[in-house]
Amino acid sequence: MTINSQAGKHVSRPLWPLRLLQIAVTVGLIAYILYKVPLGDAWAAMLQAEPLYIGLAVISLLGVYITFIFRWHVLLGPIGVTHSFLHTLGLGLIAIFYNSFMPSTLGGDAAKSYLVTRGHDVGVAQVVASVVTDRVLGLVALLIMGFAVTFGISLPGIRELLFGLLAVALVFFLLVILMARAGRGKSAHPQDDSRRHWLGTVIEKATETAQALVHYRKYKLHLVAGIVISCVGILIAGLTFKLWCLAFQFDLSLAEGVAITVAMSVVTMIPITVNGLGLAGGTNIVLLAAAGLGEPAALAIAVLQRVAVTLLGLLGGALQLLPKPYRPTS
C-alpha cells in the first residue's frame, strides 16, 4: 500500500505493525477463549457428539461454499469468461486454500483472479470487478436475511447485536451506492489526509466497490440472480449450524442459525485477527451460548467447522499440483 507524499512520490507504508497487531489480537483472543472454555471440556463434548449429524453438517458446509462459488460463476459470464462451473469450483477451492493458509482473506481473491486472467483473454480490472461485486452481493444478501430473521428470533441480546452490525453494514453499502451514482468510481486513490485516517480506508474500499458496481450496471439480471443465490447460501449456512447443534443434542431453530450466520459473517469482516481466527470462534461461542448451547459444545463446533474448512482448503491446494488450468505457472 502506498501514499502520496507532498512531492508526488509514492512512499511505501510498512505493513508489519498491522500484521503484528493482528497476530497479537489473534493470540490474545484464542488464549482468552481457551481460558474461559478449556479445550479438554470441548474434546469431551466432541466425543459425545452424534457422528451422523457431524457428517451431515460437513456436507451442508460444502454446499454453502459450492453455492457461493456458483454466485461468482454467474458473474464471470458478463466479462466473457465462459468456462464450466467445475472449473470455477476448482478456482473457488484454491481460493479457500489461500484464505486458510495466508494471513489475509484477500489471498484467495488474488489467486483466483490471477488464474482467470491467465486462462482467458480478459483484463485484470474486469476480473477484480467480478470478485468485488461478488462480495457486494453477499453483503446485500446478509442485510436482507439479517433484517428478515431478526423478527423471528427471541435470543437475548442477539437481536440487538444483529441490528447494530447490520446498521454498520447498511451504512457502508449506502455509501457505495451513492459513490457509484456520483461517478466517484473513477478515482480509487483518496488524498493523503484521508488515507492516513481510518475514514480514508473506508472511502477507498467504497470507491473500489463502486467501480465494480458501475462495471456491472448493465447486467441487472445477473446481479439479482447473485443476490438470490446468496440468500440460498445463507439459508444453507443456517441449516449447517442447526445440524452442528443437533450433533450435540441441541435443537437450534433455522431462524436462529441464519441469525448466527449473519452476525458471524459481519463480525469477521473486521480485519483485526489473522483470517478471522479467534474472532470467528469467539463470536460462535458467544452466540451459541446465548441460544442455550453449552460453551464446551460451542467451542467444539467452532473447532470442527474450522477443521472442515481447512480440509476443503487442502483439496484446493492439491488442485495446484495438477497441470493446466489450475497451476499458476507460465
Protein backbone atom coordinates (compact mmCIF):
# COMPACT_ATOMS: atom_id res chain seq x y z
CA MET A 1 0.00 0.00 0.00
CA THR A 2 1.32 3.44 -0.86
CA ILE A 3 0.52 7.05 -0.02
CA ASN A 4 1.37 10.11 -1.99
CA SER A 5 3.93 12.43 -0.47
CA GLN A 6 3.83 16.20 -0.91
CA ALA A 7 6.35 15.83 -3.70
CA GLY A 8 4.00 13.49 -5.52
CA LYS A 9 6.10 10.40 -4.89
CA HIS A 10 4.79 7.04 -3.75
CA VAL A 11 6.01 6.09 -0.31
CA SER A 12 5.52 2.55 0.91
CA ARG A 13 3.61 2.19 4.12
CA PRO A 14 5.05 -0.66 6.25
CA LEU A 15 2.52 -3.39 6.90
CA TRP A 16 4.40 -5.28 9.61
CA PRO A 17 2.99 -3.20 12.52
CA LEU A 18 -0.53 -4.09 11.40
CA ARG A 19 0.44 -7.75 10.97
CA LEU A 20 1.97 -7.81 14.46
CA LEU A 21 -1.18 -6.25 15.87
CA GLN A 22 -3.36 -8.83 14.10
CA ILE A 23 -1.19 -11.67 15.42
CA ALA A 24 -1.29 -10.25 18.93
CA VAL A 25 -5.09 -9.87 18.86
CA THR A 26 -5.47 -13.37 17.39
CA VAL A 27 -3.27 -14.99 20.06
CA GLY A 28 -4.98 -12.97 22.78
CA LEU A 29 -8.48 -13.97 21.67
CA ILE A 30 -7.59 -17.65 21.34
CA ALA A 31 -5.90 -17.61 24.76
CA TYR A 32 -8.95 -15.97 26.32
CA ILE A 33 -11.31 -18.49 24.69
CA LEU A 34 -9.26 -21.43 25.97
CA TYR A 35 -9.10 -19.80 29.40
CA LYS A 36 -12.89 -19.46 29.52
CA VAL A 37 -13.58 -22.85 27.90
CA PRO A 38 -10.84 -25.47 28.47
CA LEU A 39 -10.02 -27.46 25.37
CA GLY A 40 -10.41 -30.68 27.37
CA ASP A 41 -14.06 -29.85 28.00
CA ALA A 42 -14.61 -29.22 24.30
CA TRP A 43 -12.89 -32.53 23.47
CA ALA A 44 -15.14 -34.38 25.94
CA ALA A 45 -18.20 -32.79 24.35
CA MET A 46 -16.91 -33.71 20.90
CA LEU A 47 -16.58 -37.39 21.89
CA GLN A 48 -20.27 -37.44 22.81
CA ALA A 49 -21.43 -35.86 19.55
CA GLU A 50 -23.58 -37.74 17.02
CA PRO A 51 -21.35 -38.75 14.05
CA LEU A 52 -24.33 -38.76 11.65
CA TYR A 53 -25.14 -35.09 12.25
CA ILE A 54 -21.46 -34.15 12.09
CA GLY A 55 -21.26 -35.77 8.66
CA LEU A 56 -24.45 -34.01 7.53
CA ALA A 57 -23.10 -30.68 8.82
CA VAL A 58 -19.88 -31.12 6.84
CA ILE A 59 -21.87 -31.93 3.68
CA SER A 60 -24.07 -28.89 4.31
CA LEU A 61 -20.97 -26.72 4.82
CA LEU A 62 -19.65 -27.93 1.48
CA GLY A 63 -22.99 -26.93 -0.03
CA VAL A 64 -22.54 -23.41 1.36
CA TYR A 65 -19.21 -22.98 -0.39
CA ILE A 66 -20.47 -24.52 -3.64
CA THR A 67 -23.41 -22.09 -3.61
CA PHE A 68 -21.20 -19.03 -3.09
CA ILE A 69 -18.73 -20.20 -5.74
CA PHE A 70 -21.65 -20.58 -8.15
CA ARG A 71 -22.57 -16.95 -7.43
CA TRP A 72 -19.15 -15.86 -8.68
CA HIS A 73 -19.52 -18.18 -11.68
CA VAL A 74 -22.70 -16.32 -12.66
CA LEU A 75 -20.80 -13.02 -12.54
CA LEU A 76 -17.98 -14.29 -14.76
CA GLY A 77 -20.28 -14.59 -17.79
CA PRO A 78 -20.72 -10.84 -18.40
CA ILE A 79 -16.94 -10.32 -18.60
CA GLY A 80 -16.51 -13.05 -21.21
CA VAL A 81 -15.32 -15.93 -19.04
CA THR A 82 -17.30 -18.95 -20.19
CA HIS A 83 -15.56 -21.97 -18.70
CA SER A 84 -17.55 -24.70 -16.94
CA PHE A 85 -18.79 -24.49 -13.38
CA LEU A 86 -16.47 -27.35 -12.40
CA HIS A 87 -13.57 -25.15 -13.45
CA THR A 88 -14.91 -22.27 -11.35
CA LEU A 89 -15.41 -24.69 -8.46
CA GLY A 90 -11.74 -25.61 -8.67
CA LEU A 91 -10.78 -21.94 -8.59
CA GLY A 92 -13.02 -21.43 -5.57
CA LEU A 93 -11.36 -24.32 -3.71
CA ILE A 94 -7.95 -22.84 -4.49
CA ALA A 95 -9.17 -19.53 -3.05
CA ILE A 96 -10.19 -21.36 0.15
CA PHE A 97 -6.67 -22.82 0.31
CA TYR A 98 -5.04 -19.39 0.17
CA ASN A 99 -7.56 -17.93 2.60
CA SER A 100 -6.83 -20.77 5.04
CA PHE A 101 -3.05 -20.64 4.92
CA MET A 102 -2.22 -17.00 4.15
CA PRO A 103 -2.54 -14.15 6.69
CA SER A 104 -5.23 -12.39 4.67
CA THR A 105 -8.58 -13.32 3.15
CA LEU A 106 -7.56 -11.32 0.08
CA GLY A 107 -5.04 -14.01 -0.85
CA GLY A 108 -7.78 -16.25 -2.22
CA ASP A 109 -9.28 -13.44 -4.28
CA ALA A 110 -5.88 -12.60 -5.76
CA ALA A 111 -5.13 -16.25 -6.58
CA LYS A 112 -8.37 -17.00 -8.39
CA SER A 113 -8.30 -13.65 -10.19
CA TYR A 114 -4.80 -14.38 -11.46
CA LEU A 115 -5.75 -17.86 -12.67
CA VAL A 116 -8.77 -16.47 -14.55
CA THR A 117 -6.70 -13.80 -16.34
CA ARG A 118 -4.06 -16.40 -17.17
CA GLY A 119 -6.56 -18.71 -18.83
CA HIS A 120 -8.76 -16.18 -20.64
CA ASP A 121 -8.43 -13.08 -22.76
CA VAL A 122 -9.87 -10.79 -20.10
CA GLY A 123 -8.45 -7.78 -18.30
CA VAL A 124 -7.41 -7.76 -14.67
CA ALA A 125 -9.79 -4.88 -13.91
CA GLN A 126 -12.76 -6.89 -15.19
CA VAL A 127 -11.91 -9.94 -13.08
CA VAL A 128 -11.36 -7.80 -10.00
CA ALA A 129 -14.74 -6.17 -10.65
CA SER A 130 -16.37 -9.62 -10.66
CA VAL A 131 -14.72 -10.53 -7.35
CA VAL A 132 -15.66 -7.25 -5.67
CA THR A 133 -19.23 -7.42 -6.99
CA ASP A 134 -19.43 -10.99 -5.71
CA ARG A 135 -18.62 -9.72 -2.21
CA VAL A 136 -21.11 -6.85 -2.51
CA LEU A 137 -23.94 -9.21 -3.45
CA GLY A 138 -23.05 -11.31 -0.43
CA LEU A 139 -23.33 -8.20 1.75
CA VAL A 140 -26.72 -7.30 0.25
CA ALA A 141 -27.99 -10.81 0.98
CA LEU A 142 -26.68 -10.59 4.55
CA LEU A 143 -28.66 -7.37 5.01
CA ILE A 144 -31.82 -8.91 3.56
CA MET A 145 -31.62 -12.15 5.52
CA GLY A 146 -30.40 -10.44 8.67
CA PHE A 147 -33.26 -7.96 8.88
CA ALA A 148 -35.73 -10.72 7.95
CA VAL A 149 -34.74 -13.13 10.72
CA THR A 150 -34.48 -10.51 13.47
CA PHE A 151 -38.28 -10.61 13.65
CA GLY A 152 -38.30 -14.39 14.03
CA ILE A 153 -35.83 -14.83 16.90
CA SER A 154 -36.06 -14.13 20.61
CA LEU A 155 -32.47 -14.70 21.70
CA PRO A 156 -31.47 -12.30 24.49
CA GLY A 157 -29.03 -9.71 23.22
CA ILE A 158 -28.55 -11.26 19.79
CA ARG A 159 -31.34 -9.28 18.13
CA GLU A 160 -29.81 -6.01 19.33
CA LEU A 161 -26.32 -7.11 18.29
CA LEU A 162 -27.59 -8.15 14.88
CA PHE A 163 -29.38 -4.84 14.36
CA GLY A 164 -26.20 -2.94 15.26
CA LEU A 165 -23.99 -4.97 12.93
CA LEU A 166 -26.49 -4.71 10.08
CA ALA A 167 -26.77 -0.95 10.59
CA VAL A 168 -23.00 -0.56 10.12
CA ALA A 169 -23.05 -2.79 7.02
CA LEU A 170 -26.03 -0.85 5.64
CA VAL A 171 -24.23 2.48 6.05
CA PHE A 172 -21.25 1.13 4.11
CA PHE A 173 -23.50 -0.23 1.37
CA LEU A 174 -25.37 3.08 1.03
CA LEU A 175 -22.03 4.88 0.80
CA VAL A 176 -21.04 2.57 -2.05
CA ILE A 177 -24.31 3.20 -3.90
CA LEU A 178 -24.02 6.97 -3.53
CA MET A 179 -20.44 6.92 -4.80
CA ALA A 180 -21.38 4.74 -7.75
CA ARG A 181 -24.20 7.10 -8.71
CA ALA A 182 -21.99 10.13 -8.30
CA GLY A 183 -19.30 8.65 -10.53
CA ARG A 184 -16.76 8.53 -7.73
CA GLY A 185 -15.57 5.17 -9.02
CA LYS A 186 -13.25 6.99 -11.43
CA SER A 187 -10.62 7.53 -8.75
CA ALA A 188 -9.53 4.90 -6.28
CA HIS A 189 -6.89 6.99 -4.52
CA PRO A 190 -8.12 9.38 -1.84
CA GLN A 191 -5.97 12.30 -0.73
CA ASP A 192 -3.14 11.99 1.78
CA ASP A 193 -5.06 13.24 4.79
CA SER A 194 -7.89 10.75 4.33
CA ARG A 195 -5.54 7.87 3.59
CA ARG A 196 -3.90 8.42 6.96
CA HIS A 197 -7.22 8.20 8.70
CA TRP A 198 -9.46 5.16 9.13
CA LEU A 199 -12.23 7.01 7.31
CA GLY A 200 -9.93 7.26 4.29
CA THR A 201 -9.65 3.47 4.22
CA VAL A 202 -13.43 3.11 4.27
CA ILE A 203 -13.76 5.64 1.44
CA GLU A 204 -11.08 3.85 -0.59
CA LYS A 205 -12.80 0.48 -0.22
CA ALA A 206 -16.15 2.04 -1.06
CA THR A 207 -14.62 3.66 -4.15
CA GLU A 208 -13.20 0.37 -5.38
CA THR A 209 -16.56 -1.29 -4.77
CA ALA A 210 -18.36 1.49 -6.64
CA GLN A 211 -16.08 0.90 -9.63
CA ALA A 212 -17.13 -2.74 -9.72
CA LEU A 213 -20.83 -1.92 -9.49
CA VAL A 214 -20.52 0.61 -12.31
CA HIS A 215 -18.99 -2.12 -14.48
CA TYR A 216 -21.98 -4.43 -13.84
CA ARG A 217 -24.72 -1.79 -14.10
CA LYS A 218 -25.88 -3.24 -17.45
CA TYR A 219 -26.25 -6.75 -16.06
CA LYS A 220 -29.09 -6.31 -13.59
CA LEU A 221 -30.37 -9.87 -14.11
CA HIS A 222 -27.01 -11.28 -13.09
CA LEU A 223 -26.97 -9.05 -10.01
CA VAL A 224 -30.45 -10.17 -8.97
CA ALA A 225 -29.51 -13.80 -9.55
CA GLY A 226 -26.42 -13.31 -7.42
CA ILE A 227 -28.47 -11.93 -4.53
CA VAL A 228 -30.93 -14.83 -4.74
CA ILE A 229 -28.08 -17.35 -4.80
CA SER A 230 -26.52 -15.59 -1.80
CA CYS A 231 -29.75 -15.84 0.17
CA VAL A 232 -29.93 -19.56 -0.58
CA GLY A 233 -26.33 -19.94 0.59
CA ILE A 234 -27.11 -18.14 3.85
CA LEU A 235 -30.10 -20.43 4.43
CA ILE A 236 -27.84 -23.45 3.91
CA ALA A 237 -25.32 -21.94 6.32
CA GLY A 238 -28.09 -21.55 8.90
CA LEU A 239 -29.02 -25.20 8.31
CA THR A 240 -25.37 -26.11 8.85
CA PHE A 241 -25.42 -24.51 12.30
CA LYS A 242 -28.64 -26.36 13.09
CA LEU A 243 -27.00 -29.67 12.11
CA TRP A 244 -23.89 -28.91 14.19
CA CYS A 245 -26.14 -28.26 17.18
CA LEU A 246 -28.16 -31.43 16.60
CA ALA A 247 -24.88 -33.34 16.76
CA PHE A 248 -24.60 -32.07 20.35
CA GLN A 249 -28.25 -32.84 21.21
CA PHE A 250 -29.38 -29.21 20.95
CA ASP A 251 -32.24 -28.13 18.70
CA LEU A 252 -31.36 -24.74 17.22
CA SER A 253 -34.07 -23.24 15.01
CA LEU A 254 -33.29 -22.43 11.38
CA ALA A 255 -34.01 -18.73 12.01
CA GLU A 256 -31.51 -18.72 14.88
CA GLY A 257 -28.98 -20.49 12.68
CA VAL A 258 -29.40 -17.85 9.98
CA ALA A 259 -29.11 -15.06 12.57
CA ILE A 260 -25.85 -16.52 13.89
CA THR A 261 -24.56 -16.93 10.33
CA VAL A 262 -25.27 -13.28 9.51
CA ALA A 263 -23.77 -11.99 12.75
CA MET A 264 -20.60 -14.06 12.34
CA SER A 265 -20.23 -13.05 8.70
CA VAL A 266 -20.45 -9.34 9.53
CA VAL A 267 -18.16 -9.58 12.57
CA THR A 268 -15.45 -11.48 10.68
CA MET A 269 -15.35 -8.72 8.04
CA ILE A 270 -13.44 -6.71 10.65
CA PRO A 271 -9.75 -7.40 9.84
CA ILE A 272 -8.44 -7.38 13.41
CA THR A 273 -7.29 -11.01 13.50
CA VAL A 274 -5.45 -13.34 11.12
CA ASN A 275 -8.06 -14.90 8.83
CA GLY A 276 -10.74 -14.40 11.48
CA LEU A 277 -9.05 -16.81 13.90
CA GLY A 278 -10.22 -16.25 17.43
CA LEU A 279 -12.77 -13.69 16.31
CA ALA A 280 -14.92 -16.25 14.46
CA GLY A 281 -14.58 -18.83 17.21
CA GLY A 282 -15.32 -16.33 19.97
CA THR A 283 -18.39 -14.98 18.17
CA ASN A 284 -19.52 -18.56 17.56
CA ILE A 285 -19.26 -19.41 21.26
CA VAL A 286 -21.00 -16.24 22.47
CA LEU A 287 -23.93 -16.55 20.07
CA LEU A 288 -24.46 -20.30 20.51
CA ALA A 289 -24.19 -19.96 24.29
CA ALA A 290 -26.79 -17.17 24.17
CA ALA A 291 -29.03 -19.57 22.23
CA GLY A 292 -28.70 -22.10 25.07
CA LEU A 293 -25.90 -24.42 23.93
CA GLY A 294 -23.14 -25.18 26.43
CA GLU A 295 -19.84 -23.37 25.89
CA PRO A 296 -17.77 -26.60 25.53
CA ALA A 297 -20.09 -27.80 22.74
CA ALA A 298 -19.99 -24.34 21.12
CA LEU A 299 -16.17 -24.42 21.12
CA ALA A 300 -16.27 -27.95 19.71
CA ILE A 301 -18.47 -26.72 16.85
CA ALA A 302 -16.08 -23.84 16.15
CA VAL A 303 -13.12 -26.25 16.03
CA LEU A 304 -14.92 -28.81 13.84
CA GLN A 305 -16.03 -26.14 11.39
CA ARG A 306 -12.51 -24.70 11.17
CA VAL A 307 -11.10 -28.19 10.54
CA ALA A 308 -13.68 -28.87 7.82
CA VAL A 309 -12.87 -25.58 6.04
CA THR A 310 -9.14 -26.32 6.29
CA LEU A 311 -9.66 -29.73 4.69
CA LEU A 312 -11.53 -28.03 1.84
CA GLY A 313 -8.58 -25.68 1.52
CA LEU A 314 -6.17 -28.62 1.32
CA LEU A 315 -8.27 -30.02 -1.52
CA GLY A 316 -7.82 -26.69 -3.30
CA GLY A 317 -4.08 -26.85 -2.61
CA ALA A 318 -3.97 -30.29 -4.22
CA LEU A 319 -5.51 -28.81 -7.37
CA GLN A 320 -2.47 -26.54 -7.63
CA LEU A 321 -0.34 -29.65 -8.18
CA LEU A 322 -2.30 -30.54 -11.30
CA PRO A 323 -1.27 -29.35 -14.74
CA LYS A 324 -3.32 -26.72 -16.52
CA PRO A 325 -5.64 -24.99 -15.87
CA TYR A 326 -5.02 -24.66 -12.13
CA ARG A 327 -1.26 -24.46 -11.74
CA PRO A 328 -0.15 -20.79 -11.69
CA THR A 329 2.86 -21.15 -13.93
CA SER A 330 3.59 -19.65 -17.35
